[in-house]
Every structure is written in structure tokens, then in C-alpha cells.
Amino acid sequence: TKIKRLERYARESAEFVVKGQNENGGWAYSYGKGPTAHVDLSVAGWNIQALKAAALTGLSVNGLDSAMDKAIAYVKRCQDGTGKFAYKEKTRGKPSLTGTGVLSLQIWKNAKSKEAFKGLDWIVNNIAKDWASVNVYEWYYHAQACFQAIGVNGGQKYWDAWNKNFQQIVCGAQESDGHWPHGSHYHGDSDIYRTTMTILMLEVYYRYMPTGRTG
């Protein structure tokens, strides 16, 4: 917005996230610290997106670059041999966290990494074919990850594969009153949650340019 009076709050919010980072590079619920904190890739993914947004403001945020570098190392440690990313380190990868891992790498210096491409390969080789199989949390991240791949040489194929049936599946599932019905199970699932996440999915066409095109 470039509204001057908001700069202080934007900077302080970003620095709060930086200070809340766990020692292992991820983030935990309530910004817990130490080896017993519940650090997971889902919480980390939202904080990585927050810090990327802070970086895009152009404001000086103490510790942001080093926090993001540590975060990317954590994300890479969450990937398993199949290309999927795990909820927690040293566990098996999950389809629902794979887009989270890929997008995190893409938005901070690693869009061309082998880990990002391996995750993208898994995503496009395992696309749900109908709404009943769609986990909206998973697809929120998958849509962004495949779109961001456009900005990387050789990445267009991932978006092409994703976008082939994406709109038809999503728009075809919408109910007459505007909400989206239950698809694949996700804890905390509700009409408002599901519809909000689906709107964010569809906004992938309008929200951001592919990372590789924005420098």
C-alpha cells in the first residue's frame, strides 16, 4: 500500500515472526522454542509466506534474510525420497504438504533447485481427477507451486499439466449458493473454510507474477 503510517506495524510484525523462528529453522505453534516444540511444515509454510511478503515491501527487517535461509534448509530436510514433503522432519512425506514445501523453495532463492523440481514432478503425476478427491489445503499450495514454476526455464510444463483440468474441476463443483462442498477430508473442514481456500486457489491467476519474472 505504501501507506507510511503502516510501516512500523509491518516491520514489527515481520520481526516478531523472525524472533519466533525455532532453532531448527521451522516454526511451531505459539512460536515455541527448543527441541520439544511442535515444529511442522504447515506452520512454517505460513510464516515463510509472511516473511516473503515483508521482503517484498522493501522495508528493512532485522534478521529476515538469515531467517529465510534457515527456513529453506529446514524445508529441504522435510522432503522424502519420493519428492513429497513431510509434516514433520524425519517422517514420511504427505501429499497435502508437498505444495507447501515447493512454494517455500520457490519464493526464496530455490525455484531452480532439484528439491523444487522433484516436488513438482510428484504433484503433476498425482493430480486428483475429481472434486471428491480434492483436499483444498493441498490444492491451495499446489496451484501456487505450479503457477510459480512458469518463471523457471523448463517449468511451463508443470503449469500446463496442472491447469489442464483445474478450472473445470473447481468451477464445476461449486454449489448454486456459491460455496464449495466437501471433497477429500481435511481436519477443521467447513463450508466457509473450504470456500475461502478455493477462492484463494482461483486467485492464482491474478495475485502474483511467477517468481522468476519478478527477480
Protein backbone atom coordinates (compact mmCIF):
# COMPACT_ATOMS: atom_id res chain seq x y z
CA THR A 1 0.00 0.00 0.00
CA LYS A 2 2.99 2.28 0.66
CA ILE A 3 0.97 3.91 3.46
CA LYS A 4 3.66 5.48 5.60
CA ARG A 5 1.92 5.07 8.95
CA LEU A 6 1.71 1.30 8.43
CA GLU A 7 5.46 0.83 8.03
CA ARG A 8 6.12 0.50 11.75
CA TYR A 9 3.48 -2.20 12.16
CA ALA A 10 4.59 -4.11 9.10
CA ARG A 11 8.20 -4.11 10.28
CA GLU A 12 7.34 -5.05 13.86
CA SER A 13 5.09 -7.87 12.70
CA ALA A 14 7.80 -9.29 10.46
CA GLU A 15 10.40 -9.03 13.23
CA PHE A 16 8.01 -10.86 15.57
CA VAL A 17 7.91 -13.73 13.08
CA VAL A 18 11.70 -13.72 12.76
CA LYS A 19 12.13 -13.85 16.54
CA GLY A 20 9.58 -16.64 16.76
CA GLN A 21 11.56 -18.97 14.50
CA ASN A 22 12.55 -22.23 16.12
CA GLU A 23 16.21 -23.11 16.39
CA ASN A 24 15.83 -25.80 13.72
CA GLY A 25 14.68 -23.25 11.12
CA GLY A 26 10.98 -24.03 11.20
CA TRP A 27 8.15 -22.55 13.25
CA ALA A 28 5.96 -24.07 15.95
CA TYR A 29 2.51 -23.35 17.29
CA SER A 30 2.65 -20.27 19.57
CA TYR A 31 6.22 -19.78 18.31
CA GLY A 32 7.51 -22.41 20.70
CA LYS A 33 11.25 -22.79 21.11
CA GLY A 34 13.54 -25.70 21.86
CA PRO A 35 13.68 -29.30 20.64
CA THR A 36 10.31 -30.25 22.20
CA ALA A 37 8.30 -27.52 20.42
CA HIS A 38 5.70 -28.70 17.91
CA VAL A 39 7.52 -27.53 14.76
CA ASP A 40 5.89 -28.56 11.50
CA LEU A 41 5.96 -27.64 7.82
CA SER A 42 2.38 -26.40 7.79
CA VAL A 43 3.05 -23.71 10.39
CA ALA A 44 6.42 -22.98 8.81
CA GLY A 45 4.87 -22.51 5.37
CA TRP A 46 2.56 -19.73 6.53
CA ASN A 47 5.43 -17.93 8.28
CA ILE A 48 7.65 -18.24 5.22
CA GLN A 49 4.92 -16.64 3.12
CA ALA A 50 4.61 -13.84 5.70
CA LEU A 51 8.33 -13.09 5.59
CA LYS A 52 8.36 -13.17 1.79
CA ALA A 53 5.54 -10.61 1.81
CA ALA A 54 7.61 -8.50 4.23
CA ALA A 55 10.63 -8.74 1.93
CA LEU A 56 8.54 -7.53 -1.00
CA THR A 57 7.65 -4.33 0.87
CA GLY A 58 11.25 -3.18 0.61
CA LEU A 59 11.33 -2.40 4.34
CA SER A 60 14.44 -3.23 6.33
CA VAL A 61 13.58 -6.11 8.68
CA ASN A 62 16.23 -7.25 11.13
CA GLY A 63 17.22 -10.88 10.60
CA LEU A 64 14.82 -11.58 7.74
CA ASP A 65 17.35 -12.89 5.22
CA SER A 66 19.08 -15.23 7.65
CA ALA A 67 15.73 -16.46 8.99
CA MET A 68 14.60 -17.33 5.48
CA ASP A 69 17.86 -19.09 4.67
CA LYS A 70 17.48 -21.21 7.82
CA ALA A 71 13.85 -21.87 6.91
CA ILE A 72 14.76 -23.17 3.46
CA ALA A 73 17.29 -25.57 4.96
CA TYR A 74 14.52 -26.84 7.25
CA VAL A 75 12.11 -27.25 4.33
CA LYS A 76 14.64 -29.29 2.36
CA ARG A 77 15.13 -31.61 5.33
CA CYS A 78 11.40 -32.32 5.26
CA GLN A 79 11.47 -33.84 1.75
CA ASP A 80 11.44 -37.61 1.36
CA GLY A 81 12.84 -39.74 -1.44
CA THR A 82 9.61 -39.67 -3.46
CA GLY A 83 9.57 -35.87 -3.72
CA LYS A 84 6.81 -35.36 -1.16
CA PHE A 85 7.32 -33.10 1.84
CA ALA A 86 6.61 -34.24 5.37
CA TYR A 87 4.56 -32.62 8.11
CA LYS A 88 7.49 -33.05 10.48
CA GLU A 89 11.16 -33.81 9.95
CA LYS A 90 12.20 -37.46 9.73
CA THR A 91 8.70 -38.65 8.82
CA ARG A 92 7.17 -39.75 5.53
CA GLY A 93 6.07 -37.13 3.05
CA LYS A 94 2.42 -36.15 2.67
CA PRO A 95 0.56 -35.04 -0.47
CA SER A 96 -1.01 -32.18 1.50
CA LEU A 97 2.38 -30.67 2.42
CA THR A 98 4.17 -31.13 -0.89
CA GLY A 99 2.95 -27.88 -2.41
CA THR A 100 3.88 -26.10 0.82
CA GLY A 101 7.45 -27.31 0.50
CA VAL A 102 7.75 -26.48 -3.18
CA LEU A 103 6.28 -22.98 -2.85
CA SER A 104 8.54 -22.20 0.10
CA LEU A 105 11.59 -23.08 -2.00
CA GLN A 106 10.32 -21.11 -4.99
CA ILE A 107 9.78 -17.87 -3.14
CA TRP A 108 13.23 -17.80 -1.58
CA LYS A 109 16.20 -18.43 -3.90
CA ASN A 110 15.44 -22.09 -4.66
CA ALA A 111 12.96 -22.10 -7.54
CA LYS A 112 15.54 -23.91 -9.68
CA SER A 113 16.59 -26.40 -7.01
CA LYS A 114 16.42 -30.14 -7.53
CA GLU A 115 14.16 -30.36 -4.50
CA ALA A 116 11.62 -27.98 -6.05
CA PHE A 117 11.56 -29.86 -9.35
CA LYS A 118 11.27 -33.22 -7.61
CA GLY A 119 8.28 -31.93 -5.66
CA LEU A 120 6.67 -30.53 -8.81
CA ASP A 121 7.15 -33.85 -10.56
CA TRP A 122 5.27 -35.57 -7.76
CA ILE A 123 2.46 -33.01 -7.87
CA VAL A 124 1.73 -33.26 -11.59
CA ASN A 125 1.99 -37.05 -11.54
CA ASN A 126 -0.62 -37.29 -8.78
CA ILE A 127 -3.27 -34.71 -9.63
CA ALA A 128 -6.74 -35.52 -8.31
CA LYS A 129 -9.21 -36.15 -11.13
CA ASP A 130 -12.43 -35.03 -9.44
CA TRP A 131 -13.59 -32.75 -6.63
CA ALA A 132 -14.38 -35.66 -4.30
CA SER A 133 -10.63 -36.36 -4.14
CA VAL A 134 -9.55 -32.74 -3.63
CA ASN A 135 -8.03 -31.60 -0.33
CA VAL A 136 -8.44 -27.81 -0.53
CA TYR A 137 -5.42 -27.10 1.68
CA GLU A 138 -3.30 -29.26 -0.62
CA TRP A 139 -4.65 -27.67 -3.80
CA TYR A 140 -4.22 -24.13 -2.46
CA TYR A 141 -0.47 -24.77 -2.38
CA HIS A 142 -0.28 -26.97 -5.47
CA ALA A 143 -1.92 -24.32 -7.64
CA GLN A 144 0.57 -21.70 -6.49
CA ALA A 145 3.57 -24.00 -6.84
CA CYS A 146 2.71 -25.00 -10.40
CA PHE A 147 1.98 -21.39 -11.36
CA GLN A 148 5.27 -20.16 -9.91
CA ALA A 149 7.09 -22.79 -11.97
CA ILE A 150 6.29 -20.77 -15.10
CA GLY A 151 9.05 -18.34 -14.17
CA VAL A 152 11.73 -21.04 -14.30
CA ASN A 153 13.23 -22.40 -17.51
CA GLY A 154 11.51 -25.71 -18.22
CA GLY A 155 8.78 -25.03 -15.67
CA GLN A 156 5.91 -24.24 -18.03
CA LYS A 157 5.11 -27.94 -18.37
CA TYR A 158 4.10 -28.11 -14.71
CA TRP A 159 1.58 -25.32 -15.05
CA ASP A 160 0.27 -26.76 -18.30
CA ALA A 161 -0.29 -30.14 -16.64
CA TRP A 162 -1.93 -28.59 -13.58
CA ASN A 163 -4.10 -26.11 -15.45
CA LYS A 164 -5.42 -28.63 -17.98
CA ASN A 165 -8.41 -29.61 -15.84
CA PHE A 166 -8.01 -27.40 -12.77
CA GLN A 167 -10.63 -24.79 -13.64
CA GLN A 168 -13.18 -27.31 -14.82
CA ILE A 169 -12.88 -29.43 -11.67
CA VAL A 170 -13.04 -26.47 -9.30
CA CYS A 171 -15.71 -24.39 -11.01
CA GLY A 172 -17.81 -27.44 -11.81
CA ALA A 173 -18.02 -28.35 -8.13
CA GLN A 174 -19.37 -25.02 -6.88
CA GLU A 175 -22.88 -25.13 -5.44
CA SER A 176 -25.62 -22.75 -6.61
CA ASP A 177 -25.35 -20.62 -3.45
CA GLY A 178 -21.62 -20.04 -4.09
CA HIS A 179 -19.96 -22.40 -1.61
CA TRP A 180 -17.90 -25.49 -2.35
CA PRO A 181 -19.00 -28.86 -0.96
CA HIS A 182 -16.92 -31.33 0.97
CA GLY A 183 -14.18 -33.03 -1.03
CA SER A 184 -11.38 -35.09 0.47
CA HIS A 185 -11.15 -34.99 4.24
CA TYR A 186 -9.29 -32.20 5.99
CA HIS A 187 -9.49 -31.57 9.74
CA GLY A 188 -11.33 -28.38 10.58
CA ASP A 189 -13.16 -28.58 7.26
CA SER A 190 -16.24 -26.34 6.96
CA ASP A 191 -18.13 -24.59 4.17
CA ILE A 192 -16.53 -21.21 4.90
CA TYR A 193 -13.01 -22.63 5.24
CA ARG A 194 -13.36 -24.73 2.09
CA THR A 195 -14.81 -21.85 0.08
CA THR A 196 -12.17 -19.38 1.24
CA MET A 197 -9.33 -21.73 0.32
CA THR A 198 -10.91 -22.41 -3.06
CA ILE A 199 -11.22 -18.69 -3.81
CA LEU A 200 -7.52 -18.32 -2.99
CA MET A 201 -6.79 -21.20 -5.38
CA LEU A 202 -8.59 -19.45 -8.21
CA GLU A 203 -6.88 -16.15 -7.45
CA VAL A 204 -3.58 -17.71 -8.51
CA TYR A 205 -4.25 -16.22 -11.94
CA TYR A 206 -4.36 -12.69 -10.55
CA ARG A 207 -2.37 -12.41 -7.31
CA TYR A 208 1.30 -12.78 -8.25
CA MET A 209 3.62 -12.99 -11.17
CA PRO A 210 5.78 -16.12 -11.33
CA THR A 211 8.78 -15.63 -9.03
CA GLY A 212 11.34 -15.96 -11.80
CA ARG A 213 9.82 -12.99 -13.62
CA THR A 214 9.92 -10.64 -10.67
CA GLY A 215 13.60 -11.06 -9.86
